Protein backbone atom coordinates (compact mmCIF):
# COMPACT_ATOMS: atom_id res chain seq x y z
CA UNK A 1 152.92 137.36 82.18
CA UNK A 2 154.79 136.24 79.11
CA UNK A 3 151.90 136.23 76.67
CA UNK A 4 152.18 138.23 73.47
CA UNK A 5 150.07 141.17 72.42
CA UNK A 6 148.44 139.83 69.28
CA UNK A 7 145.07 138.21 68.99
CA UNK A 8 144.81 134.69 67.61
CA UNK A 9 145.77 134.90 63.88
CA UNK A 10 143.25 132.20 63.10
CA UNK A 11 142.70 133.16 59.47
CA UNK A 12 146.08 131.66 58.55
CA UNK A 13 145.36 128.47 60.47
CA UNK A 14 141.88 128.16 59.03
CA UNK A 15 142.91 128.67 55.40
CA UNK A 16 143.05 124.93 54.72
CA UNK A 17 139.60 124.33 56.22
CA UNK A 18 137.93 127.64 55.32
CA UNK A 19 135.49 126.02 52.92
CA UNK A 20 134.44 123.61 55.69
CA UNK A 21 133.95 126.52 58.11
CA UNK A 22 131.91 128.37 55.47
CA UNK A 23 129.70 125.29 55.25
CA UNK A 24 129.38 125.32 59.06
CA UNK A 25 128.19 128.94 58.89
CA UNK A 26 125.61 127.97 56.27
CA UNK A 27 124.42 125.07 58.42
CA UNK A 28 124.19 127.34 61.47
CA UNK A 29 121.99 129.77 59.53
CA UNK A 30 119.86 126.87 58.35
CA UNK A 31 119.44 125.37 61.82
CA UNK A 32 118.83 128.72 63.53
CA UNK A 33 116.14 129.79 61.05
CA UNK A 34 112.65 129.72 62.53
CA UNK A 35 109.07 130.53 61.60
CA UNK A 36 108.77 132.13 65.02
CA UNK A 37 109.66 135.82 64.58
CA UNK A 38 111.22 136.20 68.03
CA UNK A 39 113.41 133.09 67.78
CA UNK A 40 114.45 134.07 64.26
CA UNK A 41 115.35 137.62 65.39
CA UNK A 42 117.45 136.50 68.37
CA UNK A 43 119.17 133.75 66.39
CA UNK A 44 120.10 136.16 63.62
CA UNK A 45 121.65 138.40 66.24
CA UNK A 46 123.52 135.48 67.84
CA UNK A 47 124.92 133.98 64.66
CA UNK A 48 125.45 137.12 62.56
CA UNK A 49 129.12 137.28 63.55
CA UNK A 50 131.36 134.31 62.95
CA UNK A 51 133.44 134.64 66.12
CA UNK A 52 136.56 132.53 66.51
CA UNK A 53 134.72 129.22 65.81
CA UNK A 54 137.52 127.40 67.61
CA UNK A 55 135.38 124.41 68.57
CA UNK A 56 134.15 123.67 65.02
CA UNK A 57 137.73 124.12 63.80
CA UNK A 58 138.99 121.60 66.36
CA UNK A 59 136.39 119.08 65.22
CA UNK A 60 137.18 119.58 61.54
CA UNK A 61 140.96 119.48 62.01
CA UNK A 62 140.76 116.40 64.25
CA UNK A 63 138.59 114.59 61.72
CA UNK A 64 140.91 115.43 58.83
CA UNK A 65 144.05 114.61 60.82
CA UNK A 66 142.56 111.17 61.43
CA UNK A 67 141.79 110.64 57.74
CA UNK A 68 138.06 111.41 57.60
CA UNK A 69 136.81 111.97 54.04
CA UNK A 70 133.07 112.47 54.51
CA UNK A 71 130.89 115.56 55.00
CA UNK A 72 129.13 114.87 58.32
CA UNK A 73 131.74 116.87 60.22
CA UNK A 74 129.98 120.06 59.11
CA UNK A 75 126.71 119.07 60.80
CA UNK A 76 128.38 118.00 64.05
CA UNK A 77 130.54 121.14 64.08
CA UNK A 78 127.40 123.26 63.87
CA UNK A 79 125.82 121.39 66.79
CA UNK A 80 128.94 121.89 68.92
CA UNK A 81 128.88 125.63 68.17
CA UNK A 82 125.17 125.87 69.04
CA UNK A 83 125.80 124.18 72.39
CA UNK A 84 128.64 126.62 73.02
CA UNK A 85 126.36 129.55 72.18
CA UNK A 86 123.66 128.26 74.53
CA UNK A 87 126.20 128.06 77.34
CA UNK A 88 127.26 131.68 76.74
CA UNK A 89 123.65 132.86 76.94
CA UNK A 90 123.16 131.18 80.31
CA UNK A 91 126.58 132.32 81.53
CA UNK A 92 125.70 135.96 80.78
CA UNK A 93 122.42 135.66 82.70
CA UNK A 94 124.14 134.22 85.77
CA UNK A 95 126.84 136.91 85.64
CA UNK A 96 124.40 139.68 84.70
CA UNK A 97 126.80 140.58 81.87
CA UNK A 98 125.75 143.27 79.40
CA UNK A 99 128.61 142.95 76.89
CA UNK A 100 130.17 140.04 75.03
CA UNK A 101 132.53 140.37 72.07
CA UNK A 102 131.89 144.11 72.14
CA UNK A 103 128.14 143.89 71.64
CA UNK A 104 125.08 143.68 73.87
CA UNK A 105 124.35 140.25 75.30
CA UNK A 106 121.02 138.56 74.62
CA UNK A 107 120.31 139.15 78.29
CA UNK A 108 120.86 142.91 77.88
CA UNK A 109 118.72 143.17 74.72
CA UNK A 110 115.83 140.83 75.46
CA UNK A 111 115.88 140.30 79.23
CA UNK A 112 116.45 137.30 81.46
CA UNK A 113 113.22 135.44 80.73
CA UNK A 114 113.69 135.22 76.97
CA UNK A 115 117.41 134.51 77.40
CA UNK A 116 116.82 131.56 79.73
CA UNK A 117 114.24 130.07 77.40
CA UNK A 118 116.35 130.61 74.29
CA UNK A 119 119.39 129.00 75.92
CA UNK A 120 117.23 126.01 76.88
CA UNK A 121 115.81 125.90 73.36
CA UNK A 122 119.25 125.78 71.74
CA UNK A 123 120.47 123.03 74.08
CA UNK A 124 117.41 120.88 73.44
CA UNK A 125 117.37 121.60 69.71
CA UNK A 126 120.99 120.41 69.42
CA UNK A 127 120.29 117.12 71.19
CA UNK A 128 117.08 116.62 69.20
CA UNK A 129 118.93 117.08 65.91
CA UNK A 130 121.67 114.73 67.07
CA UNK A 131 119.11 112.07 68.01
CA UNK A 132 117.76 112.05 64.47
CA UNK A 133 121.10 110.74 63.21
CA UNK A 134 120.87 107.66 65.47
CA UNK A 135 124.69 107.75 65.78
CA UNK A 136 124.60 107.01 69.48
CA UNK A 137 128.30 107.32 70.40
CA UNK A 138 128.24 110.91 69.14
CA UNK A 139 124.86 111.58 70.74
CA UNK A 140 126.23 110.30 74.06
CA UNK A 141 129.19 112.68 73.80
CA UNK A 142 126.96 115.70 73.20
CA UNK A 143 124.54 114.75 75.98
CA UNK A 144 127.37 114.15 78.46
CA UNK A 145 129.12 117.42 77.65
CA UNK A 146 125.88 119.39 78.00
CA UNK A 147 125.33 117.95 81.48
CA UNK A 148 128.95 118.68 82.42
CA UNK A 149 128.75 122.31 81.26
CA UNK A 150 125.61 123.03 83.27
CA UNK A 151 127.09 121.27 86.29
CA UNK A 152 130.23 123.39 86.00
CA UNK A 153 128.11 126.54 85.92
CA UNK A 154 126.30 125.42 89.06
CA UNK A 155 129.54 124.67 90.91
CA UNK A 156 131.01 128.01 89.89
CA UNK A 157 127.92 129.91 90.99
CA UNK A 158 127.89 128.13 94.35
CA UNK A 159 131.52 129.21 94.90
CA UNK A 160 130.99 132.82 93.80
CA UNK A 161 133.01 135.27 95.90
CA UNK A 162 134.58 132.50 97.95
CA UNK A 163 138.18 133.45 98.71
CA UNK A 164 138.77 129.88 99.94
CA UNK A 165 138.11 128.33 96.52
CA UNK A 166 140.76 125.65 96.03
CA UNK A 167 142.75 125.21 92.86
CA UNK A 168 141.35 121.68 92.59
CA UNK A 169 137.74 122.89 92.50
CA UNK A 170 138.69 125.76 90.16
CA UNK A 171 140.17 123.27 87.67
CA UNK A 172 137.07 121.07 87.99
CA UNK A 173 134.94 124.07 87.04
CA UNK A 174 137.16 124.81 84.04
CA UNK A 175 137.16 121.18 82.99
CA UNK A 176 133.37 121.04 82.95
CA UNK A 177 132.56 124.52 81.65
CA UNK A 178 135.20 124.89 78.93
CA UNK A 179 137.54 121.93 78.45
CA UNK A 180 134.76 119.35 78.15
CA UNK A 181 133.43 120.92 74.93
CA UNK A 182 136.94 121.28 73.47
CA UNK A 183 137.49 117.58 74.18
CA UNK A 184 134.06 116.66 72.80
CA UNK A 185 134.75 118.47 69.51
CA UNK A 186 138.07 116.67 69.05
CA UNK A 187 136.65 113.27 69.95
CA UNK A 188 133.70 113.63 67.57
CA UNK A 189 136.20 114.29 64.79
CA UNK A 190 138.07 111.13 65.74
CA UNK A 191 134.92 109.03 66.00
CA UNK A 192 133.80 110.14 62.55
CA UNK A 193 137.14 108.87 61.25
CA UNK A 194 136.77 105.55 63.07
CA UNK A 195 139.98 105.72 65.09
CA UNK A 196 140.96 103.35 67.90
CA UNK A 197 139.97 103.81 71.57
CA UNK A 198 143.60 104.62 72.36
CA UNK A 199 143.64 107.42 69.82
CA UNK A 200 140.29 108.64 71.13
CA UNK A 201 141.87 108.95 74.56
CA UNK A 202 144.72 111.00 73.08
CA UNK A 203 142.23 113.36 71.43
CA UNK A 204 140.42 113.63 74.75
CA UNK A 205 143.69 114.55 76.46
CA UNK A 206 144.49 117.10 73.75
CA UNK A 207 141.09 118.80 73.93
CA UNK A 208 141.01 118.83 77.72
CA UNK A 209 144.51 120.28 78.10
CA UNK A 210 143.86 122.84 75.38
CA UNK A 211 140.56 123.88 76.95
CA UNK A 212 142.12 124.30 80.39
CA UNK A 213 144.93 126.43 78.93
CA UNK A 214 142.42 128.49 76.94
CA UNK A 215 140.30 129.30 80.00
CA UNK A 216 143.27 130.04 82.27
CA UNK A 217 144.52 132.57 79.70
CA UNK A 218 141.00 133.99 79.53
CA UNK A 219 141.12 134.43 83.31
CA UNK A 220 144.51 136.14 83.02
CA UNK A 221 143.08 138.58 80.50
CA UNK A 222 140.54 139.70 83.09
CA UNK A 223 143.53 141.26 84.88
CA UNK A 224 145.77 142.17 81.93
CA UNK A 225 143.59 142.57 78.87
CA UNK A 226 142.27 145.72 77.21
CA UNK A 227 138.57 146.48 77.20
CA UNK A 228 138.56 147.40 73.50
CA UNK A 229 140.01 144.07 72.34
CA UNK A 230 138.19 141.94 74.91
CA UNK A 231 134.76 143.43 74.27
CA UNK A 232 134.03 143.61 78.02
CA UNK A 233 135.33 145.61 80.99
CA UNK A 234 138.64 144.57 82.56
CA UNK A 235 138.20 142.81 85.93
CA UNK A 236 134.57 142.05 85.09
CA UNK A 237 135.09 138.45 86.26
CA UNK A 238 136.34 139.69 89.63
CA UNK A 239 133.43 142.10 90.00
CA UNK A 240 131.02 139.24 89.30
CA UNK A 241 132.60 137.15 92.04
CA UNK A 242 134.47 134.69 89.84
CA UNK A 243 137.55 133.47 91.68
CA UNK A 244 140.22 132.57 89.13
CA UNK A 245 143.70 131.07 89.20
CA UNK A 246 145.70 134.32 89.50
CA UNK A 247 143.61 135.24 92.53
CA UNK A 248 143.81 131.73 94.02
CA UNK A 249 147.60 131.81 93.72
CA UNK A 250 147.75 135.30 95.27
CA UNK A 251 145.61 134.26 98.24
CA UNK A 252 147.86 131.24 98.74
CA UNK A 253 151.07 133.28 98.51
CA UNK A 254 149.95 136.13 100.78
CA UNK A 255 150.68 135.96 104.49
CA UNK A 256 149.18 137.41 107.66
CA UNK A 257 147.70 140.88 107.26
CA UNK A 258 148.23 140.90 103.50
CA UNK A 259 146.14 137.79 103.11
CA UNK A 260 143.44 139.14 105.43
CA UNK A 261 143.33 142.36 103.39
CA UNK A 262 143.01 140.45 100.12
CA UNK A 263 140.19 138.28 101.49
CA UNK A 264 138.42 141.39 102.78
CA UNK A 265 138.65 143.05 99.36
CA UNK A 266 137.21 139.94 97.68
CA UNK A 267 134.34 139.71 100.12
CA UNK A 268 133.53 143.43 99.83
CA UNK A 269 134.08 143.83 96.08
CA UNK A 270 130.49 145.03 95.56
CA UNK A 271 130.67 147.85 98.08
CA UNK A 272 134.27 149.01 97.64
CA UNK A 273 134.89 150.83 94.40
CA UNK A 274 138.65 150.57 94.93
CA UNK A 275 138.59 146.78 95.34
CA UNK A 276 139.40 145.85 91.70
CA UNK A 277 142.43 148.16 91.51
CA UNK A 278 143.78 147.05 94.87
CA UNK A 279 143.25 143.38 94.14
CA UNK A 280 144.98 143.68 90.78
CA UNK A 281 147.98 145.34 92.45
CA UNK A 282 148.16 142.57 95.06
CA UNK A 283 147.86 139.81 92.46
CA UNK A 284 150.65 141.36 90.39
CA UNK A 285 152.92 141.77 93.42
CA UNK A 286 152.27 138.20 94.55
CA UNK A 287 153.20 136.79 91.13
CA UNK A 288 149.69 135.44 90.56
CA UNK A 289 149.69 136.22 86.85
CA UNK A 290 153.09 134.67 86.18
CA UNK A 291 152.30 131.45 88.05
CA UNK A 292 148.92 131.11 86.32
CA UNK A 293 150.54 131.71 82.93
CA UNK A 294 153.07 128.95 83.63
CA UNK A 295 150.21 126.59 84.44
CA UNK A 296 148.58 127.44 81.11
CA UNK A 297 151.90 126.83 79.34
CA UNK A 298 152.15 123.42 81.03
CA UNK A 299 148.73 122.48 79.67
CA UNK A 300 149.74 123.62 76.18
CA UNK A 301 152.80 121.36 76.35
CA UNK A 302 150.62 118.44 77.45
CA UNK A 303 148.17 119.13 74.64
CA UNK A 304 150.88 119.03 71.97
CA UNK A 305 152.42 115.88 73.46
CA UNK A 306 149.03 114.15 73.13
CA UNK A 307 149.20 114.54 69.33
CA UNK A 308 152.62 112.90 68.98
CA UNK A 309 151.33 109.54 67.76
CA UNK A 310 149.16 111.01 64.98
CA UNK A 311 150.52 111.49 61.43
CA UNK A 312 152.47 114.75 61.04
CA UNK A 313 150.00 116.23 58.56
CA UNK A 314 149.18 119.88 57.98
CA UNK A 315 146.05 119.36 60.08
CA UNK A 316 148.03 118.11 63.07
CA UNK A 317 150.38 121.07 62.64
CA UNK A 318 147.37 123.41 62.69
CA UNK A 319 146.14 121.86 65.94
CA UNK A 320 149.60 122.30 67.45
CA UNK A 321 149.73 125.92 66.31
CA UNK A 322 146.32 126.61 67.82
CA UNK A 323 147.71 125.30 71.11
CA UNK A 324 150.71 127.62 70.86
CA UNK A 325 148.58 130.60 69.93
CA UNK A 326 146.33 130.14 72.96
CA UNK A 327 149.19 131.60 75.01
CA UNK A 328 149.23 134.72 72.80
CA UNK A 329 145.59 135.66 73.17
CA UNK A 330 144.57 139.21 73.96
CA UNK A 331 140.85 138.68 73.39
């Protein structure tokens, strides 16, 4: 795998929009405040750390690249981040994950019942707030992406532990679970600026390609990352039954007894303590990480090509640099 060893140096990229992101944080605190003590407590825990805020940054940078001069991008950026947060809550319940970003998940701290309800609450709250604006093209985007993300989660869960998962279905899952919200953030920025349908399509292509690359690299890190920087155990995706591109490529490349052994390890991952180590060795030997990395690099190239017709402003350059830096992630 050719990726570097540094985490995304987003502070440099965000310097030109830091005041906007600070406003997003303020809006998130405002929206997540509640008179209900339990909701207020969980929301404070969820939004106390800024995280990467890549999706709000994509919306802000897209809007500014397209010439937007207003202030509504802050509100819509906050809604996109809330939807992302809701998806993570549900994802952790499905995967029975106890750690995310190095801290306990909501599921681990408050249990499955509260986590399910809070995730539902955040989804519905976001759509309800969007509806109050009566800006229906943006409302449609948020509603459609929410449906897609839940559908992607359902497809992924139904294919859990399936060694016969095809690359086509894998990419469909990634498109719905991750890339759809990247694309949505970019397109909302463009719609706020009033750009043409053709330019909207280019922003859609950029966000989709970037999101696919981002998630493929995330899947690579499950094999190659470090627990300290990732905030979760290495090979946790494999242990949870998530079949990712490195593994799909390894299953495809393996022959005869080697393939049968790999399939057996996947199917018995819960009962064989040596399964993660053996599978990682097989994936490395089969070139699964290298081929998956090349696929991510292809998507990064496509993403940058999609921006070619937009003005070469500092905001476009920041979007291009974010695409490049996706390949250097270690967390």
